[in-house]
Structure formats: structure tokens, C-alpha cells
């Protein structure tokens, strides 16, 4: 199985081979990146409510990513962004099913004002679905900020690598990270959206926010 910190070029080369239809490239890629996918899955299970173990989440992610004949990722950062997004979608779908079951089969959409009600008991499924809705709202404003959240919060990639993936300066990336976290926090809590900065329910893996 893979070791963490797999060289970027090796992942890029395997992705290119997969896109070109080389026999065994897909399986070789997943074998090589398994350790990193397991790390991301473990982090997401800790961050999000889940009924599955990290290993099961990696398996479900694998099935989701191979649903198409060719993967669209072109480099390491893009691939792990897609993987983290797939994991988030799996956990969101799981939360929606649990909430639907609790409500007698009625899968009701979560409003941000519901999360903002201080008297309401903490509900991890509700928190996850509120974050997903806030991310969709952020995507309407800036798809780049959503990708930053995927790479940083969900995939846990270092800021230096993310700056290269997004092709922005470190200074711009730090500003964008503060803006994204403040926006998500405000939308989930029902408060005004600040220009940038602020505390957020979106964690910074290395405390660089």
C-alpha cells in the first residue's frame, strides 16, 4: 500500500496513464495513494458524523471515483480534492438518510436559521448538512474558495502545495482562507458575512488560519 507523501510527479504520471487508458494504471494509482486516502478518510470521519469506518469510506470513495472510465484529475492536488469531495458527498448522503429516517422518511432541507437557534440541541448531522449548504452558497460567490476549503479542510494538504495547485501567491491564499472560513461560519450561524477573517467551524489542520 501507499506511503503518505507520495511524490507529486508520480501521482501525475499515473493519472496521465489512467486517462490514456493504460492497463493497470488505475489500480496502481489507488494502491500507491491508499495511505493518503486513508488519512483523509480518518480526518473526515473525525470531523463529520459517520456510520462507517475510514476503511469503508475509502472503499466507497474508490467506487465513486471509478464510476467514470477516465478520471478528470490532472495532478496530485486535483486528485485529492476530488477524493475529499467524494468523501464529503458520501457522508452528506449518509446524514440525509439518517435524518429522513428520524423524520419518518421526510428528507427535509436544513435551513441555516435552524442551525443558528441557540436553544436547539446540537445535532451533528444537522451541522454537516448546514456546512454543505454553506459551501454551495460559497460556490455561487467563488468556486476557487470552495476548492480551497476542499483542499485545506477536507484533504488536509499543506498551504504551500495548495498555492501551487490554485496558482496564487501565499499571501492571497492566506487572505482567501480567512475569507472562506469567515463566510462559512457566518452562513452556518445566521450572522452577517464579514469581508474576511473571523473564527470558523472550519478547522485549519495546521493552525495557519
N, C-alpha and C. Protein backbone atom coordinates (compact mmCIF):
# COMPACT_ATOMS: atom_id res chain seq x y z
N UNK A 1 0.83 -1.20 0.00
CA UNK A 1 0.00 0.00 0.00
C UNK A 1 0.87 1.26 0.00
N UNK A 2 0.20 2.34 -0.23
CA UNK A 2 0.93 3.59 -0.41
C UNK A 2 1.48 4.13 0.89
N UNK A 3 2.52 4.90 0.80
CA UNK A 3 3.03 5.68 1.91
C UNK A 3 2.57 7.11 1.73
N UNK A 4 2.36 7.81 2.88
CA UNK A 4 2.00 9.21 2.79
C UNK A 4 3.15 9.99 2.17
N UNK A 5 2.83 11.09 1.54
CA UNK A 5 3.86 11.91 0.95
C UNK A 5 4.34 11.39 -0.38
N UNK A 6 3.49 10.63 -1.07
CA UNK A 6 3.85 10.12 -2.39
C UNK A 6 4.25 11.28 -3.29
N UNK A 7 5.39 11.16 -3.99
CA UNK A 7 5.85 12.25 -4.85
C UNK A 7 4.77 12.73 -5.82
N UNK A 8 4.64 14.04 -5.96
CA UNK A 8 3.59 14.61 -6.80
C UNK A 8 3.69 14.13 -8.24
N UNK A 9 4.91 14.07 -8.76
CA UNK A 9 5.08 13.71 -10.16
C UNK A 9 4.63 12.28 -10.42
N UNK A 10 4.85 11.41 -9.45
CA UNK A 10 4.43 10.02 -9.63
C UNK A 10 2.92 9.92 -9.74
N UNK A 11 2.19 10.66 -8.91
CA UNK A 11 0.73 10.68 -8.99
C UNK A 11 0.30 11.26 -10.33
N UNK A 12 0.93 12.35 -10.73
CA UNK A 12 0.58 12.99 -12.01
C UNK A 12 0.79 12.03 -13.17
N UNK A 13 1.89 11.30 -13.14
CA UNK A 13 2.19 10.35 -14.23
C UNK A 13 1.16 9.23 -14.27
N UNK A 14 0.77 8.72 -13.10
CA UNK A 14 -0.22 7.64 -13.05
C UNK A 14 -1.60 8.13 -13.50
N UNK A 15 -1.93 9.37 -13.15
CA UNK A 15 -3.20 9.94 -13.61
C UNK A 15 -3.21 10.06 -15.13
N UNK A 16 -2.09 10.50 -15.69
CA UNK A 16 -2.00 10.62 -17.14
C UNK A 16 -2.13 9.25 -17.80
N UNK A 17 -1.51 8.23 -17.21
CA UNK A 17 -1.60 6.88 -17.76
C UNK A 17 -3.02 6.36 -17.69
N UNK A 18 -3.72 6.67 -16.60
CA UNK A 18 -5.13 6.25 -16.46
C UNK A 18 -5.98 6.92 -17.53
N UNK A 19 -5.78 8.22 -17.73
CA UNK A 19 -6.57 8.94 -18.74
C UNK A 19 -6.31 8.39 -20.14
N UNK A 20 -5.08 7.93 -20.36
CA UNK A 20 -4.71 7.40 -21.67
C UNK A 20 -5.12 5.94 -21.85
N UNK A 21 -5.71 5.36 -20.79
CA UNK A 21 -6.22 4.00 -20.89
C UNK A 21 -5.19 2.90 -20.69
N UNK A 22 -4.06 3.22 -20.06
CA UNK A 22 -3.04 2.19 -19.85
C UNK A 22 -3.54 1.14 -18.87
N UNK A 23 -3.41 -0.13 -19.23
CA UNK A 23 -3.87 -1.23 -18.39
C UNK A 23 -3.17 -1.19 -17.02
N UNK A 24 -3.98 -1.29 -15.98
CA UNK A 24 -3.43 -1.36 -14.63
C UNK A 24 -3.08 -0.04 -14.01
N UNK A 25 -3.14 1.07 -14.76
CA UNK A 25 -2.73 2.37 -14.21
C UNK A 25 -3.65 2.80 -13.07
N UNK A 26 -4.95 2.58 -13.24
CA UNK A 26 -5.91 2.99 -12.21
C UNK A 26 -5.65 2.25 -10.91
N UNK A 27 -5.52 0.92 -10.99
CA UNK A 27 -5.31 0.13 -9.78
C UNK A 27 -3.96 0.46 -9.14
N UNK A 28 -2.95 0.70 -9.97
CA UNK A 28 -1.65 1.07 -9.43
C UNK A 28 -1.72 2.40 -8.69
N UNK A 29 -2.46 3.35 -9.27
CA UNK A 29 -2.62 4.65 -8.63
C UNK A 29 -3.27 4.50 -7.25
N UNK A 30 -4.39 3.78 -7.19
CA UNK A 30 -5.09 3.66 -5.92
C UNK A 30 -4.28 2.87 -4.90
N UNK A 31 -3.51 1.92 -5.37
CA UNK A 31 -2.63 1.19 -4.46
C UNK A 31 -1.58 2.13 -3.86
N UNK A 32 -1.05 3.00 -4.69
CA UNK A 32 0.01 3.91 -4.25
C UNK A 32 -0.51 5.03 -3.35
N UNK A 33 -1.77 5.46 -3.56
CA UNK A 33 -2.30 6.58 -2.78
C UNK A 33 -3.19 6.12 -1.63
N UNK A 34 -3.28 4.80 -1.42
CA UNK A 34 -4.20 4.30 -0.40
C UNK A 34 -3.92 4.92 0.97
N UNK A 35 -2.65 4.98 1.35
CA UNK A 35 -2.31 5.52 2.66
C UNK A 35 -2.79 6.95 2.84
N UNK A 36 -2.64 7.77 1.78
CA UNK A 36 -3.07 9.16 1.86
C UNK A 36 -4.59 9.25 1.89
N UNK A 37 -5.27 8.41 1.10
CA UNK A 37 -6.74 8.39 1.13
C UNK A 37 -7.24 7.95 2.51
N UNK A 38 -6.55 7.00 3.11
CA UNK A 38 -6.93 6.53 4.45
C UNK A 38 -6.77 7.64 5.47
N UNK A 39 -5.71 8.44 5.33
CA UNK A 39 -5.51 9.58 6.23
C UNK A 39 -6.63 10.59 6.09
N UNK A 40 -6.99 10.94 4.84
CA UNK A 40 -8.06 11.90 4.60
C UNK A 40 -9.38 11.38 5.13
N UNK A 41 -9.65 10.09 4.90
CA UNK A 41 -10.89 9.50 5.38
C UNK A 41 -10.96 9.53 6.90
N UNK A 42 -9.84 9.23 7.55
CA UNK A 42 -9.82 9.27 9.00
C UNK A 42 -10.10 10.66 9.54
N UNK A 43 -9.53 11.67 8.87
CA UNK A 43 -9.77 13.05 9.29
C UNK A 43 -11.22 13.44 9.08
N UNK A 44 -11.82 13.02 7.98
CA UNK A 44 -13.21 13.38 7.71
C UNK A 44 -14.17 12.67 8.67
N UNK A 45 -13.87 11.43 9.02
CA UNK A 45 -14.72 10.71 9.98
C UNK A 45 -14.66 11.39 11.33
N UNK A 46 -13.48 11.93 11.70
CA UNK A 46 -13.38 12.66 12.96
C UNK A 46 -14.11 14.00 12.89
N UNK A 47 -14.05 14.65 11.72
CA UNK A 47 -14.67 15.96 11.57
C UNK A 47 -16.18 15.87 11.38
N UNK A 48 -16.64 14.83 10.71
CA UNK A 48 -18.04 14.71 10.34
C UNK A 48 -18.66 13.50 11.02
N UNK A 49 -19.98 13.53 11.24
CA UNK A 49 -20.64 12.34 11.76
C UNK A 49 -20.62 11.26 10.69
N UNK A 50 -20.40 10.04 11.07
CA UNK A 50 -20.34 8.97 10.07
C UNK A 50 -20.69 7.65 10.73
N UNK A 51 -21.28 6.77 9.97
CA UNK A 51 -21.59 5.44 10.46
C UNK A 51 -20.63 4.42 9.90
N UNK A 52 -19.64 4.85 9.15
CA UNK A 52 -18.69 3.93 8.55
C UNK A 52 -17.28 4.22 9.04
N UNK A 53 -16.47 3.18 9.02
CA UNK A 53 -15.07 3.32 9.40
C UNK A 53 -14.29 3.95 8.25
N UNK A 54 -13.13 4.54 8.53
CA UNK A 54 -12.33 5.14 7.46
C UNK A 54 -12.06 4.20 6.30
N UNK A 55 -11.77 2.93 6.61
CA UNK A 55 -11.50 1.97 5.53
C UNK A 55 -12.71 1.81 4.61
N UNK A 56 -13.90 1.76 5.20
CA UNK A 56 -15.12 1.65 4.40
C UNK A 56 -15.34 2.91 3.57
N UNK A 57 -15.03 4.07 4.16
CA UNK A 57 -15.19 5.33 3.43
C UNK A 57 -14.23 5.37 2.25
N UNK A 58 -13.01 4.89 2.42
CA UNK A 58 -12.06 4.83 1.30
C UNK A 58 -12.61 3.93 0.20
N UNK A 59 -13.18 2.78 0.59
CA UNK A 59 -13.74 1.85 -0.40
C UNK A 59 -14.88 2.51 -1.17
N UNK A 60 -15.77 3.18 -0.46
CA UNK A 60 -16.89 3.85 -1.13
C UNK A 60 -16.38 4.96 -2.06
N UNK A 61 -15.34 5.64 -1.63
CA UNK A 61 -14.75 6.70 -2.45
C UNK A 61 -14.14 6.13 -3.71
N UNK A 62 -13.46 5.01 -3.57
CA UNK A 62 -12.87 4.33 -4.74
C UNK A 62 -13.96 4.01 -5.75
N UNK A 63 -15.06 3.44 -5.29
CA UNK A 63 -16.15 3.08 -6.21
C UNK A 63 -16.73 4.33 -6.88
N UNK A 64 -16.81 5.41 -6.11
CA UNK A 64 -17.36 6.64 -6.66
C UNK A 64 -16.44 7.24 -7.72
N UNK A 65 -15.14 7.21 -7.46
CA UNK A 65 -14.18 7.82 -8.38
C UNK A 65 -14.00 7.01 -9.66
N UNK A 66 -14.19 5.69 -9.59
CA UNK A 66 -14.02 4.88 -10.79
C UNK A 66 -15.32 4.73 -11.56
N UNK A 67 -16.34 5.51 -11.15
CA UNK A 67 -17.62 5.45 -11.85
C UNK A 67 -17.51 5.87 -13.31
N UNK A 68 -16.53 6.70 -13.61
CA UNK A 68 -16.30 7.10 -15.00
C UNK A 68 -15.09 6.36 -15.54
N UNK A 69 -15.05 6.18 -16.84
CA UNK A 69 -13.96 5.43 -17.45
C UNK A 69 -12.63 6.14 -17.28
N UNK A 70 -12.64 7.47 -17.24
CA UNK A 70 -11.41 8.25 -17.11
C UNK A 70 -11.58 9.26 -15.97
N UNK A 71 -10.58 9.41 -15.16
CA UNK A 71 -10.62 10.40 -14.10
C UNK A 71 -10.27 11.76 -14.70
N UNK A 72 -10.89 12.82 -14.19
CA UNK A 72 -10.63 14.16 -14.74
C UNK A 72 -9.42 14.83 -14.10
N UNK A 73 -8.93 14.30 -12.98
CA UNK A 73 -7.81 14.94 -12.28
C UNK A 73 -6.55 14.91 -13.14
N UNK A 74 -5.79 15.99 -13.06
CA UNK A 74 -4.57 16.09 -13.86
C UNK A 74 -3.31 16.11 -13.00
N UNK A 75 -3.46 16.31 -11.67
CA UNK A 75 -2.30 16.31 -10.80
C UNK A 75 -2.71 15.86 -9.40
N UNK A 76 -1.71 15.77 -8.52
CA UNK A 76 -1.93 15.25 -7.17
C UNK A 76 -2.97 16.07 -6.40
N UNK A 77 -2.82 17.39 -6.41
CA UNK A 77 -3.75 18.23 -5.68
C UNK A 77 -5.16 18.08 -6.17
N UNK A 78 -5.33 18.05 -7.50
CA UNK A 78 -6.66 17.91 -8.08
C UNK A 78 -7.27 16.56 -7.71
N UNK A 79 -6.47 15.50 -7.74
CA UNK A 79 -6.97 14.18 -7.42
C UNK A 79 -7.46 14.11 -5.97
N UNK A 80 -6.66 14.61 -5.03
CA UNK A 80 -7.06 14.53 -3.63
C UNK A 80 -8.23 15.48 -3.34
N UNK A 81 -8.35 16.56 -4.10
CA UNK A 81 -9.52 17.42 -3.98
C UNK A 81 -10.77 16.66 -4.38
N UNK A 82 -10.71 15.93 -5.50
CA UNK A 82 -11.85 15.13 -5.95
C UNK A 82 -12.17 14.04 -4.94
N UNK A 83 -11.14 13.41 -4.38
CA UNK A 83 -11.36 12.35 -3.41
C UNK A 83 -12.02 12.89 -2.14
N UNK A 84 -11.53 14.04 -1.66
CA UNK A 84 -12.11 14.64 -0.46
C UNK A 84 -13.55 15.06 -0.71
N UNK A 85 -13.84 15.57 -1.91
CA UNK A 85 -15.20 15.95 -2.26
C UNK A 85 -16.11 14.73 -2.29
N UNK A 86 -15.61 13.64 -2.86
CA UNK A 86 -16.39 12.40 -2.92
C UNK A 86 -16.70 11.90 -1.52
N UNK A 87 -15.70 11.95 -0.62
CA UNK A 87 -15.92 11.52 0.76
C UNK A 87 -16.98 12.38 1.43
N UNK A 88 -16.89 13.69 1.22
CA UNK A 88 -17.87 14.59 1.82
C UNK A 88 -19.27 14.28 1.32
N UNK A 89 -19.41 14.02 0.03
CA UNK A 89 -20.72 13.70 -0.54
C UNK A 89 -21.27 12.40 0.04
N UNK A 90 -20.40 11.43 0.24
CA UNK A 90 -20.84 10.15 0.83
C UNK A 90 -21.36 10.37 2.24
N UNK A 91 -20.63 11.17 3.04
CA UNK A 91 -21.05 11.45 4.41
C UNK A 91 -22.32 12.29 4.44
N UNK A 92 -22.44 13.24 3.52
CA UNK A 92 -23.65 14.06 3.45
C UNK A 92 -24.85 13.19 3.12
N UNK A 93 -24.70 12.31 2.14
CA UNK A 93 -25.81 11.40 1.78
C UNK A 93 -26.19 10.52 2.96
N UNK A 94 -25.19 10.07 3.72
CA UNK A 94 -25.47 9.25 4.89
C UNK A 94 -26.23 10.05 5.94
N UNK A 95 -25.85 11.31 6.15
CA UNK A 95 -26.55 12.16 7.11
C UNK A 95 -27.99 12.41 6.68
N UNK A 96 -28.19 12.63 5.38
CA UNK A 96 -29.55 12.87 4.89
C UNK A 96 -30.43 11.65 5.09
N UNK A 97 -29.87 10.46 4.86
CA UNK A 97 -30.65 9.24 5.07
C UNK A 97 -31.02 9.08 6.55
N UNK A 98 -30.09 9.38 7.45
CA UNK A 98 -30.39 9.26 8.88
C UNK A 98 -31.46 10.25 9.30
N UNK A 99 -31.37 11.47 8.80
CA UNK A 99 -32.37 12.47 9.16
C UNK A 99 -33.73 12.10 8.59
N UNK A 100 -33.74 11.58 7.36
CA UNK A 100 -35.01 11.15 6.76
C UNK A 100 -35.64 10.04 7.57
N UNK A 101 -34.82 9.11 8.06
CA UNK A 101 -35.34 8.01 8.87
C UNK A 101 -35.91 8.52 10.19
N UNK A 102 -35.21 9.49 10.80
CA UNK A 102 -35.68 10.06 12.06
C UNK A 102 -37.00 10.79 11.89
N UNK A 103 -37.22 11.35 10.70
CA UNK A 103 -38.42 12.15 10.45
C UNK A 103 -39.47 11.38 9.68
N UNK A 104 -39.41 10.08 9.78
CA UNK A 104 -40.43 9.27 9.15
C UNK A 104 -40.36 9.24 7.65
N UNK A 105 -39.14 9.39 7.10
CA UNK A 105 -38.98 9.31 5.66
C UNK A 105 -39.05 10.64 4.96
N UNK A 106 -39.27 11.73 5.69
CA UNK A 106 -39.34 13.05 5.06
C UNK A 106 -37.95 13.68 5.10
N UNK A 107 -37.30 13.76 3.96
CA UNK A 107 -35.95 14.32 3.88
C UNK A 107 -36.06 15.81 3.70
N UNK A 108 -36.08 16.54 4.82
CA UNK A 108 -36.29 17.97 4.78
C UNK A 108 -34.96 18.69 4.69
N UNK A 109 -34.94 19.74 3.89
CA UNK A 109 -33.73 20.53 3.73
C UNK A 109 -33.46 21.32 5.00
N UNK A 110 -32.20 21.43 5.35
CA UNK A 110 -31.80 22.14 6.56
C UNK A 110 -31.59 23.61 6.26
N UNK A 111 -32.28 24.47 6.99
CA UNK A 111 -32.09 25.90 6.82
C UNK A 111 -31.01 26.39 7.76
N UNK A 112 -30.28 27.40 7.33
CA UNK A 112 -29.21 27.92 8.18
C UNK A 112 -29.76 28.54 9.46
N UNK A 113 -31.01 29.06 9.41
CA UNK A 113 -31.59 29.64 10.61
C UNK A 113 -31.85 28.58 11.67
N UNK A 114 -32.06 27.34 11.22
CA UNK A 114 -32.27 26.25 12.17
C UNK A 114 -31.00 25.99 12.97
N UNK A 115 -29.86 26.07 12.31
CA UNK A 115 -28.59 25.86 12.99
C UNK A 115 -28.30 27.01 13.95
N UNK A 116 -28.79 28.19 13.62
CA UNK A 116 -28.48 29.38 14.41
C UNK A 116 -29.29 29.45 15.70
N UNK A 117 -30.33 28.62 15.84
CA UNK A 117 -31.17 28.67 17.03
C UNK A 117 -30.41 28.18 18.25
N UNK A 118 -30.09 29.04 19.22
CA UNK A 118 -29.24 28.64 20.34
C UNK A 118 -29.88 27.62 21.26
N UNK A 119 -31.22 27.55 21.29
CA UNK A 119 -31.88 26.63 22.21
C UNK A 119 -31.93 25.21 21.67
N UNK A 120 -31.64 25.03 20.39
CA UNK A 120 -31.74 23.72 19.77
C UNK A 120 -30.58 22.84 20.22
N UNK A 121 -30.83 21.56 20.49
CA UNK A 121 -29.74 20.66 20.87
C UNK A 121 -28.79 20.45 19.70
N UNK A 122 -27.52 20.20 20.02
CA UNK A 122 -26.52 20.01 18.97
C UNK A 122 -26.83 18.74 18.19
N UNK A 123 -26.82 18.83 16.90
CA UNK A 123 -27.11 17.72 16.01
C UNK A 123 -26.00 17.67 14.97
N UNK A 124 -25.17 16.63 15.03
CA UNK A 124 -24.01 16.57 14.14
C UNK A 124 -24.43 16.42 12.68
N UNK A 125 -25.49 15.66 12.42
CA UNK A 125 -25.98 15.55 11.05
C UNK A 125 -26.43 16.92 10.55
N UNK A 126 -27.13 17.65 11.40
CA UNK A 126 -27.59 18.99 11.03
C UNK A 126 -26.42 19.91 10.76
N UNK A 127 -25.37 19.78 11.57
CA UNK A 127 -24.17 20.61 11.40
C UNK A 127 -23.50 20.31 10.05
N UNK A 128 -23.40 19.04 9.70
CA UNK A 128 -22.77 18.67 8.44
C UNK A 128 -23.58 19.17 7.25
N UNK A 129 -24.91 19.02 7.32
CA UNK A 129 -25.75 19.46 6.21
C UNK A 129 -25.75 20.98 6.09
N UNK A 130 -25.67 21.66 7.22
CA UNK A 130 -25.58 23.12 7.18
C UNK A 130 -24.28 23.56 6.54
N UNK A 131 -23.18 22.86 6.84
CA UNK A 131 -21.89 23.17 6.22
C UNK A 131 -21.97 22.94 4.71
N UNK A 132 -22.61 21.86 4.30
CA UNK A 132 -22.75 21.57 2.88
C UNK A 132 -23.55 22.68 2.18
N UNK A 133 -24.63 23.13 2.81
CA UNK A 133 -25.42 24.21 2.21
C UNK A 133 -24.61 25.51 2.13
N UNK A 134 -23.83 25.78 3.19
CA UNK A 134 -23.00 26.98 3.18
C UNK A 134 -21.94 26.91 2.09
N UNK A 135 -21.38 25.71 1.85
CA UNK A 135 -20.41 25.54 0.78
C UNK A 135 -21.04 25.79 -0.58
N UNK A 136 -22.26 25.36 -0.76
CA UNK A 136 -22.95 25.61 -2.03
C UNK A 136 -23.17 27.11 -2.24
N UNK A 137 -23.48 27.82 -1.16
CA UNK A 137 -23.65 29.27 -1.26
C UNK A 137 -22.32 29.95 -1.55
N UNK A 138 -21.25 29.43 -0.93
CA UNK A 138 -19.92 30.00 -1.18
C UNK A 138 -19.53 29.76 -2.65
N UNK A 139 -19.92 28.62 -3.20
CA UNK A 139 -19.58 28.30 -4.59
C UNK A 139 -20.20 29.31 -5.55
N UNK A 140 -21.37 29.83 -5.20
CA UNK A 140 -22.01 30.84 -6.05
C UNK A 140 -21.20 32.13 -6.06
N UNK A 141 -20.49 32.38 -4.97
CA UNK A 141 -19.68 33.59 -4.88
C UNK A 141 -18.27 33.37 -5.44
N UNK A 142 -17.68 32.23 -5.11
CA UNK A 142 -16.31 31.97 -5.54
C UNK A 142 -16.01 30.48 -5.55
N UNK A 143 -16.05 29.82 -6.72
CA UNK A 143 -15.68 28.41 -6.79
C UNK A 143 -14.26 28.16 -6.29
N UNK A 144 -13.37 29.12 -6.46
CA UNK A 144 -11.99 28.95 -6.01
C UNK A 144 -11.92 28.80 -4.50
N UNK A 145 -12.73 29.56 -3.77
CA UNK A 145 -12.72 29.45 -2.32
C UNK A 145 -13.23 28.09 -1.87
N UNK A 146 -14.22 27.55 -2.58
CA UNK A 146 -14.71 26.22 -2.24
C UNK A 146 -13.62 25.18 -2.47
N UNK A 147 -12.90 25.31 -3.57
CA UNK A 147 -11.82 24.36 -3.83
C UNK A 147 -10.73 24.48 -2.77
N UNK A 148 -10.47 25.69 -2.30
CA UNK A 148 -9.51 25.89 -1.23
C UNK A 148 -9.96 25.15 0.03
N UNK A 149 -11.24 25.26 0.38
CA UNK A 149 -11.77 24.55 1.55
C UNK A 149 -11.63 23.05 1.37
N UNK A 150 -11.91 22.57 0.18
CA UNK A 150 -11.78 21.13 -0.09
C UNK A 150 -10.34 20.66 0.10
N UNK A 151 -9.41 21.45 -0.43
CA UNK A 151 -8.01 21.06 -0.36
C UNK A 151 -7.44 21.19 1.05
N UNK A 152 -7.86 22.24 1.76
CA UNK A 152 -7.28 22.52 3.08
C UNK A 152 -8.01 21.80 4.20
N UNK A 153 -9.32 22.01 4.29
CA UNK A 153 -10.10 21.49 5.40
C UNK A 153 -10.37 20.00 5.25
N UNK A 154 -10.76 19.58 4.05
CA UNK A 154 -11.16 18.20 3.85
C UNK A 154 -9.99 17.29 3.46
N UNK A 155 -9.12 17.75 2.55
CA UNK A 155 -7.99 16.92 2.14
C UNK A 155 -6.77 17.12 3.02
N UNK A 156 -6.69 18.26 3.73
CA UNK A 156 -5.58 18.49 4.64
C UNK A 156 -4.24 18.72 3.96
N UNK A 157 -4.26 19.23 2.71
CA UNK A 157 -2.99 19.49 2.02
C UNK A 157 -2.32 20.73 2.59
N UNK A 158 -1.00 20.79 2.55
CA UNK A 158 -0.30 21.97 3.07
C UNK A 158 -0.56 23.19 2.21
N UNK A 159 -0.48 24.36 2.84
CA UNK A 159 -0.79 25.60 2.13
C UNK A 159 0.15 25.83 0.95
N UNK A 160 1.41 25.42 1.10
CA UNK A 160 2.37 25.62 0.02
C UNK A 160 1.94 24.87 -1.25
N UNK A 161 1.47 23.64 -1.07
CA UNK A 161 1.03 22.86 -2.23
C UNK A 161 -0.25 23.42 -2.81
N UNK A 162 -1.15 23.86 -1.94
CA UNK A 162 -2.42 24.43 -2.42
C UNK A 162 -2.17 25.68 -3.25
N UNK A 163 -1.21 26.50 -2.81
CA UNK A 163 -0.88 27.72 -3.56
C UNK A 163 -0.44 27.36 -4.97
N UNK A 164 0.32 26.28 -5.11
CA UNK A 164 0.76 25.84 -6.43
C UNK A 164 -0.42 25.32 -7.25
N UNK A 165 -1.29 24.54 -6.62
CA UNK A 165 -2.43 23.97 -7.32
C UNK A 165 -3.36 25.06 -7.84
N UNK A 166 -3.63 26.06 -6.98
CA UNK A 166 -4.55 27.13 -7.34
C UNK A 166 -3.86 28.27 -8.09
N UNK A 167 -2.54 28.20 -8.15
CA UNK A 167 -1.74 29.20 -8.87
C UNK A 167 -1.98 30.61 -8.32
N UNK A 168 -1.85 30.72 -7.00
CA UNK A 168 -1.96 32.02 -6.34
C UNK A 168 -0.78 32.17 -5.39
N UNK A 169 -0.53 33.39 -4.95
CA UNK A 169 0.56 33.63 -4.00
C UNK A 169 0.14 33.17 -2.61
N UNK A 170 1.13 32.96 -1.75
CA UNK A 170 0.86 32.56 -0.38
C UNK A 170 0.03 33.62 0.35
N UNK A 171 0.34 34.87 0.07
CA UNK A 171 -0.41 35.97 0.71
C UNK A 171 -1.87 35.94 0.30
N UNK A 172 -2.12 35.76 -1.00
CA UNK A 172 -3.51 35.68 -1.48
C UNK A 172 -4.22 34.48 -0.88
N UNK A 173 -3.51 33.37 -0.78
CA UNK A 173 -4.12 32.15 -0.25
C UNK A 173 -4.51 32.32 1.21
N UNK A 174 -3.65 32.93 2.00
CA UNK A 174 -3.98 33.16 3.41
C UNK A 174 -5.19 34.07 3.54
N UNK A 175 -5.26 35.11 2.70
CA UNK A 175 -6.42 36.00 2.73
C UNK A 175 -7.69 35.25 2.33
N UNK A 176 -7.58 34.43 1.27
CA UNK A 176 -8.74 33.66 0.82
C UNK A 176 -9.21 32.68 1.89
N UNK A 177 -8.25 32.07 2.60
CA UNK A 177 -8.60 31.10 3.64
C UNK A 177 -9.36 31.77 4.78
N UNK A 178 -8.92 32.95 5.18
CA UNK A 178 -9.65 33.69 6.22
C UNK A 178 -11.06 34.04 5.74
N UNK A 179 -11.15 34.48 4.48
CA UNK A 179 -12.44 34.86 3.93
C UNK A 179 -13.39 33.68 3.86
N UNK A 180 -12.90 32.55 3.39
CA UNK A 180 -13.75 31.36 3.26
C UNK A 180 -14.24 30.88 4.62
N UNK A 181 -13.35 30.83 5.60
CA UNK A 181 -13.74 30.37 6.93
C UNK A 181 -14.76 31.31 7.56
N UNK A 182 -14.55 32.61 7.42
CA UNK A 182 -15.47 33.57 8.00
C UNK A 182 -16.84 33.48 7.32
N UNK A 183 -16.85 33.32 6.00
CA UNK A 183 -18.12 33.21 5.27
C UNK A 183 -18.91 31.99 5.74
N UNK A 184 -18.25 30.84 5.83
CA UNK A 184 -18.94 29.61 6.22
C UNK A 184 -19.46 29.70 7.65
N UNK A 185 -18.65 30.25 8.53
CA UNK A 185 -19.08 30.41 9.92
C UNK A 185 -20.32 31.29 9.99
N UNK A 186 -20.31 32.41 9.27
CA UNK A 186 -21.43 33.34 9.31
C UNK A 186 -22.69 32.71 8.73
N UNK A 187 -22.57 32.02 7.60
CA UNK A 187 -23.73 31.42 6.96
C UNK A 187 -24.32 30.31 7.82
N UNK A 188 -23.47 29.55 8.51
CA UNK A 188 -23.97 28.46 9.34
C UNK A 188 -24.62 28.96 10.62
N UNK A 189 -24.19 30.13 11.08
CA UNK A 189 -24.72 30.67 12.34
C UNK A 189 -25.76 31.76 12.14
N UNK A 190 -26.04 32.08 10.89
CA UNK A 190 -27.11 33.04 10.63
C UNK A 190 -26.72 34.48 10.84
N UNK A 191 -25.43 34.77 10.97
CA UNK A 191 -25.00 36.14 11.18
C UNK A 191 -24.56 36.80 9.89
N UNK A 192 -24.18 38.08 9.95
CA UNK A 192 -23.72 38.79 8.76
C UNK A 192 -22.39 38.23 8.27
N UNK A 193 -22.19 38.28 6.97
CA UNK A 193 -20.97 37.75 6.38
C UNK A 193 -19.91 38.84 6.39
N UNK A 194 -18.79 38.65 7.13
CA UNK A 194 -17.73 39.66 7.15
C UNK A 194 -16.93 39.64 5.87
N UNK A 195 -16.15 40.69 5.64
CA UNK A 195 -15.33 40.76 4.44
C UNK A 195 -14.27 39.67 4.44
N UNK A 196 -13.60 39.48 5.57
CA UNK A 196 -12.62 38.41 5.70
C UNK A 196 -12.27 38.24 7.16
N UNK A 197 -11.60 37.13 7.46
CA UNK A 197 -11.18 36.88 8.83
C UNK A 197 -12.31 36.35 9.68
N UNK A 198 -12.03 36.10 10.95
CA UNK A 198 -13.05 35.64 11.86
C UNK A 198 -12.88 34.18 12.23
N UNK A 199 -13.53 33.81 13.32
CA UNK A 199 -13.48 32.43 13.79
C UNK A 199 -14.40 31.58 12.95
N UNK A 200 -14.07 30.29 12.81
CA UNK A 200 -14.88 29.45 11.97
C UNK A 200 -14.98 28.04 12.51
N UNK A 201 -16.10 27.38 12.16
CA UNK A 201 -16.25 25.97 12.48
C UNK A 201 -15.41 25.13 11.53
N UNK A 202 -14.88 25.73 10.48
CA UNK A 202 -13.99 25.01 9.57
C UNK A 202 -12.59 25.05 10.15
N UNK A 203 -12.09 23.88 10.49
CA UNK A 203 -10.79 23.81 11.14
C UNK A 203 -9.65 24.05 10.17
N UNK A 204 -8.55 24.57 10.70
CA UNK A 204 -7.31 24.69 9.96
C UNK A 204 -6.40 23.57 10.46
N UNK A 205 -6.08 22.59 9.61
CA UNK A 205 -5.30 21.43 10.07
C UNK A 205 -3.99 21.78 10.77
N UNK A 206 -3.35 22.86 10.37
CA UNK A 206 -2.05 23.23 10.95
C UNK A 206 -2.11 24.54 11.71
N UNK A 207 -3.32 25.06 11.92
CA UNK A 207 -3.44 26.30 12.66
C UNK A 207 -2.85 27.50 11.98
N UNK A 208 -2.92 27.53 10.63
CA UNK A 208 -2.33 28.64 9.89
C UNK A 208 -3.37 29.68 9.49
N UNK A 209 -4.59 29.58 10.07
CA UNK A 209 -5.65 30.48 9.65
C UNK A 209 -5.65 31.77 10.39
